[in-house]
């Protein structure tokens, strides 16, 4: 699934590290990730 979410702003490596609590991502990247997952900010929280 990480390969499907990856793009110019979200690499597979970054997503893997974020998923495993090894790094953080910016709010902008988090918003992009939610859009790709078709999850609203309200649904996530």
PDB file of N, CA and C in Angstrom:
ATOM      1  N   UNK A   1       0.817  -1.185   0.000  1.00  0.00           N
ATOM      2  CA  UNK A   1       0.000   0.000   0.000  1.00  0.00           C
ATOM      3  C   UNK A   1       0.868   1.258   0.000  1.00  0.00           C
ATOM      4  N   UNK A   2       2.049   1.219   0.596  1.00  0.00           N
ATOM      5  CA  UNK A   2       2.902   2.403   0.637  1.00  0.00           C
ATOM      6  C   UNK A   2       3.271   2.877  -0.760  1.00  0.00           C
ATOM      7  N   UNK A   3       3.525   1.947  -1.669  1.00  0.00           N
ATOM      8  CA  UNK A   3       3.876   2.328  -3.040  1.00  0.00           C
ATOM      9  C   UNK A   3       2.735   3.063  -3.714  1.00  0.00           C
ATOM     10  N   UNK A   4       1.505   2.698  -3.383  1.00  0.00           N
ATOM     11  CA  UNK A   4       0.339   3.359  -3.969  1.00  0.00           C
ATOM     12  C   UNK A   4       0.176   4.783  -3.445  1.00  0.00           C
ATOM     13  N   UNK A   5       0.643   5.043  -2.239  1.00  0.00           N
ATOM     14  CA  UNK A   5       0.518   6.368  -1.628  1.00  0.00           C
ATOM     15  C   UNK A   5       1.689   7.283  -1.961  1.00  0.00           C
ATOM     16  N   UNK A   6       2.805   6.710  -2.343  1.00  0.00           N
ATOM     17  CA  UNK A   6       4.009   7.487  -2.592  1.00  0.00           C
ATOM     18  C   UNK A   6       3.877   8.366  -3.835  1.00  0.00           C
ATOM     19  N   UNK A   7       4.520   9.534  -3.779  1.00  0.00           N
ATOM     20  CA  UNK A   7       4.587  10.446  -4.916  1.00  0.00           C
ATOM     21  C   UNK A   7       5.782  11.366  -4.718  1.00  0.00           C
ATOM     22  N   UNK A   8       5.799  12.505  -5.397  1.00  0.00           N
ATOM     23  CA  UNK A   8       6.923  13.436  -5.288  1.00  0.00           C
ATOM     24  C   UNK A   8       7.069  14.032  -3.891  1.00  0.00           C
ATOM     25  N   UNK A   9       5.980  14.076  -3.122  1.00  0.00           N
ATOM     26  CA  UNK A   9       5.998  14.684  -1.801  1.00  0.00           C
ATOM     27  C   UNK A   9       6.083  13.655  -0.675  1.00  0.00           C
ATOM     28  N   UNK A  10       5.708  12.425  -0.974  1.00  0.00           N
ATOM     29  CA  UNK A  10       5.676  11.359   0.036  1.00  0.00           C
ATOM     30  C   UNK A  10       6.384  10.126  -0.525  1.00  0.00           C
ATOM     31  N   UNK A  11       7.623   9.922  -0.134  1.00  0.00           N
ATOM     32  CA  UNK A  11       8.360   8.758  -0.626  1.00  0.00           C
ATOM     33  C   UNK A  11       7.957   7.509   0.167  1.00  0.00           C
ATOM     34  N   UNK A  12       8.212   6.363  -0.414  1.00  0.00           N
ATOM     35  CA  UNK A  12       7.937   5.097   0.275  1.00  0.00           C
ATOM     36  C   UNK A  12       8.725   5.052   1.576  1.00  0.00           C
ATOM     37  N   UNK A  13       9.980   5.475   1.525  1.00  0.00           N
ATOM     38  CA  UNK A  13      10.831   5.470   2.715  1.00  0.00           C
ATOM     39  C   UNK A  13      10.253   6.359   3.813  1.00  0.00           C
ATOM     40  N   UNK A  14       9.819   7.564   3.461  1.00  0.00           N
ATOM     41  CA  UNK A  14       9.239   8.477   4.449  1.00  0.00           C
ATOM     42  C   UNK A  14       7.962   7.900   5.038  1.00  0.00           C
ATOM     43  N   UNK A  15       7.110   7.342   4.202  1.00  0.00           N
ATOM     44  CA  UNK A  15       5.865   6.753   4.691  1.00  0.00           C
ATOM     45  C   UNK A  15       6.135   5.572   5.623  1.00  0.00           C
ATOM     46  N   UNK A  16       7.112   4.758   5.275  1.00  0.00           N
ATOM     47  CA  UNK A  16       7.476   3.616   6.123  1.00  0.00           C
ATOM     48  C   UNK A  16       7.959   4.108   7.490  1.00  0.00           C
ATOM     49  N   UNK A  17       8.826   5.113   7.476  1.00  0.00           N
ATOM     50  CA  UNK A  17       9.349   5.648   8.733  1.00  0.00           C
ATOM     51  C   UNK A  17       8.240   6.279   9.564  1.00  0.00           C
ATOM     52  N   UNK A  18       7.337   6.991   8.922  1.00  0.00           N
ATOM     53  CA  UNK A  18       6.218   7.607   9.630  1.00  0.00           C
ATOM     54  C   UNK A  18       5.308   6.535  10.228  1.00  0.00           C
ATOM     55  N   UNK A  19       5.021   5.513   9.452  1.00  0.00           N
ATOM     56  CA  UNK A  19       4.165   4.420   9.903  1.00  0.00           C
ATOM     57  C   UNK A  19       4.753   3.724  11.133  1.00  0.00           C
ATOM     58  N   UNK A  20       6.073   3.667  11.211  1.00  0.00           N
ATOM     59  CA  UNK A  20       6.753   2.970  12.301  1.00  0.00           C
ATOM     60  C   UNK A  20       7.290   3.914  13.378  1.00  0.00           C
ATOM     61  N   UNK A  21       6.744   5.119  13.427  1.00  0.00           N
ATOM     62  CA  UNK A  21       7.105   6.115  14.452  1.00  0.00           C
ATOM     63  C   UNK A  21       8.598   6.422  14.512  1.00  0.00           C
ATOM     64  N   UNK A  22       9.252   6.397  13.356  1.00  0.00           N
ATOM     65  CA  UNK A  22      10.676   6.713  13.309  1.00  0.00           C
ATOM     66  C   UNK A  22      10.923   8.136  12.824  1.00  0.00           C
ATOM     67  N   UNK A  23       9.883   8.811  12.343  1.00  0.00           N
ATOM     68  CA  UNK A  23       9.994  10.187  11.884  1.00  0.00           C
ATOM     69  C   UNK A  23       8.626  10.846  11.962  1.00  0.00           C
ATOM     70  N   UNK A  24       8.614  12.144  11.789  1.00  0.00           N
ATOM     71  CA  UNK A  24       7.361  12.890  11.716  1.00  0.00           C
ATOM     72  C   UNK A  24       7.248  13.477  10.316  1.00  0.00           C
ATOM     73  N   UNK A  25       6.057  13.916   9.962  1.00  0.00           N
ATOM     74  CA  UNK A  25       5.866  14.576   8.675  1.00  0.00           C
ATOM     75  C   UNK A  25       5.198  15.925   8.918  1.00  0.00           C
ATOM     76  N   UNK A  26       5.328  16.807   7.966  1.00  0.00           N
ATOM     77  CA  UNK A  26       4.738  18.137   8.085  1.00  0.00           C
ATOM     78  C   UNK A  26       3.220  18.049   7.998  1.00  0.00           C
ATOM     79  N   UNK A  27       2.573  19.097   8.442  1.00  0.00           N
ATOM     80  CA  UNK A  27       1.106  19.158   8.357  1.00  0.00           C
ATOM     81  C   UNK A  27       0.648  19.064   6.910  1.00  0.00           C
ATOM     82  N   UNK A  28       1.393  19.702   6.021  1.00  0.00           N
ATOM     83  CA  UNK A  28       1.053  19.665   4.598  1.00  0.00           C
ATOM     84  C   UNK A  28       1.107  18.238   4.060  1.00  0.00           C
ATOM     85  N   UNK A  29       2.151  17.527   4.398  1.00  0.00           N
ATOM     86  CA  UNK A  29       2.283  16.139   3.942  1.00  0.00           C
ATOM     87  C   UNK A  29       1.220  15.247   4.592  1.00  0.00           C
ATOM     88  N   UNK A  30       0.918  15.510   5.856  1.00  0.00           N
ATOM     89  CA  UNK A  30      -0.123  14.744   6.538  1.00  0.00           C
ATOM     90  C   UNK A  30      -1.464  14.956   5.845  1.00  0.00           C
ATOM     91  N   UNK A  31      -1.744  16.195   5.475  1.00  0.00           N
ATOM     92  CA  UNK A  31      -2.988  16.510   4.768  1.00  0.00           C
ATOM     93  C   UNK A  31      -3.034  15.770   3.426  1.00  0.00           C
ATOM     94  N   UNK A  32      -1.930  15.762   2.698  1.00  0.00           N
ATOM     95  CA  UNK A  32      -1.863  15.029   1.431  1.00  0.00           C
ATOM     96  C   UNK A  32      -2.114  13.537   1.631  1.00  0.00           C
ATOM     97  N   UNK A  33      -1.531  13.005   2.688  1.00  0.00           N
ATOM     98  CA  UNK A  33      -1.706  11.587   2.993  1.00  0.00           C
ATOM     99  C   UNK A  33      -3.167  11.267   3.289  1.00  0.00           C
ATOM    100  N   UNK A  34      -3.820  12.106   4.081  1.00  0.00           N
ATOM    101  CA  UNK A  34      -5.240  11.897   4.375  1.00  0.00           C
ATOM    102  C   UNK A  34      -6.079  11.953   3.105  1.00  0.00           C
ATOM    103  N   UNK A  35      -5.769  12.907   2.216  1.00  0.00           N
ATOM    104  CA  UNK A  35      -6.498  13.004   0.949  1.00  0.00           C
ATOM    105  C   UNK A  35      -6.345  11.730   0.132  1.00  0.00           C
ATOM    106  N   UNK A  36      -5.129  11.210   0.051  1.00  0.00           N
ATOM    107  CA  UNK A  36      -4.885   9.972  -0.703  1.00  0.00           C
ATOM    108  C   UNK A  36      -5.627   8.785  -0.098  1.00  0.00           C
ATOM    109  N   UNK A  37      -5.762   8.794   1.218  1.00  0.00           N
ATOM    110  CA  UNK A  37      -6.477   7.712   1.907  1.00  0.00           C
ATOM    111  C   UNK A  37      -7.992   7.934   1.917  1.00  0.00           C
ATOM    112  N   UNK A  38      -8.402   9.102   1.409  1.00  0.00           N
ATOM    113  CA  UNK A  38      -9.821   9.487   1.388  1.00  0.00           C
ATOM    114  C   UNK A  38     -10.415   9.481   2.789  1.00  0.00           C
ATOM    115  N   UNK A  39      -9.654  10.065   3.717  1.00  0.00           N
ATOM    116  CA  UNK A  39     -10.068  10.192   5.111  1.00  0.00           C
ATOM    117  C   UNK A  39     -10.019  11.672   5.464  1.00  0.00           C
ATOM    118  N   UNK A  40     -11.079  12.182   6.039  1.00  0.00           N
ATOM    119  CA  UNK A  40     -11.086  13.578   6.453  1.00  0.00           C
ATOM    120  C   UNK A  40     -10.309  13.736   7.754  1.00  0.00           C
ATOM    121  N   UNK A  41      -9.925  14.964   8.024  1.00  0.00           N
ATOM    122  CA  UNK A  41      -9.216  15.264   9.277  1.00  0.00           C
ATOM    123  C   UNK A  41     -10.100  14.889  10.462  1.00  0.00           C
ATOM    124  N   UNK A  42     -11.386  15.207  10.366  1.00  0.00           N
ATOM    125  CA  UNK A  42     -12.322  14.896  11.445  1.00  0.00           C
ATOM    126  C   UNK A  42     -12.470  13.385  11.660  1.00  0.00           C
ATOM    127  N   UNK A  43     -12.498  12.623  10.576  1.00  0.00           N
ATOM    128  CA  UNK A  43     -12.595  11.173  10.694  1.00  0.00           C
ATOM    129  C   UNK A  43     -11.351  10.580  11.352  1.00  0.00           C
ATOM    130  N   UNK A  44     -10.192  11.143  11.011  1.00  0.00           N
ATOM    131  CA  UNK A  44      -8.950  10.622  11.563  1.00  0.00           C
ATOM    132  C   UNK A  44      -8.897  10.803  13.072  1.00  0.00           C
ATOM    133  N   UNK A  45      -9.332  11.962  13.529  1.00  0.00           N
ATOM    134  CA  UNK A  45      -9.290  12.247  14.962  1.00  0.00           C
ATOM    135  C   UNK A  45     -10.644  12.011  15.560  1.00  0.00           C
TER     136      UNK A  45
END
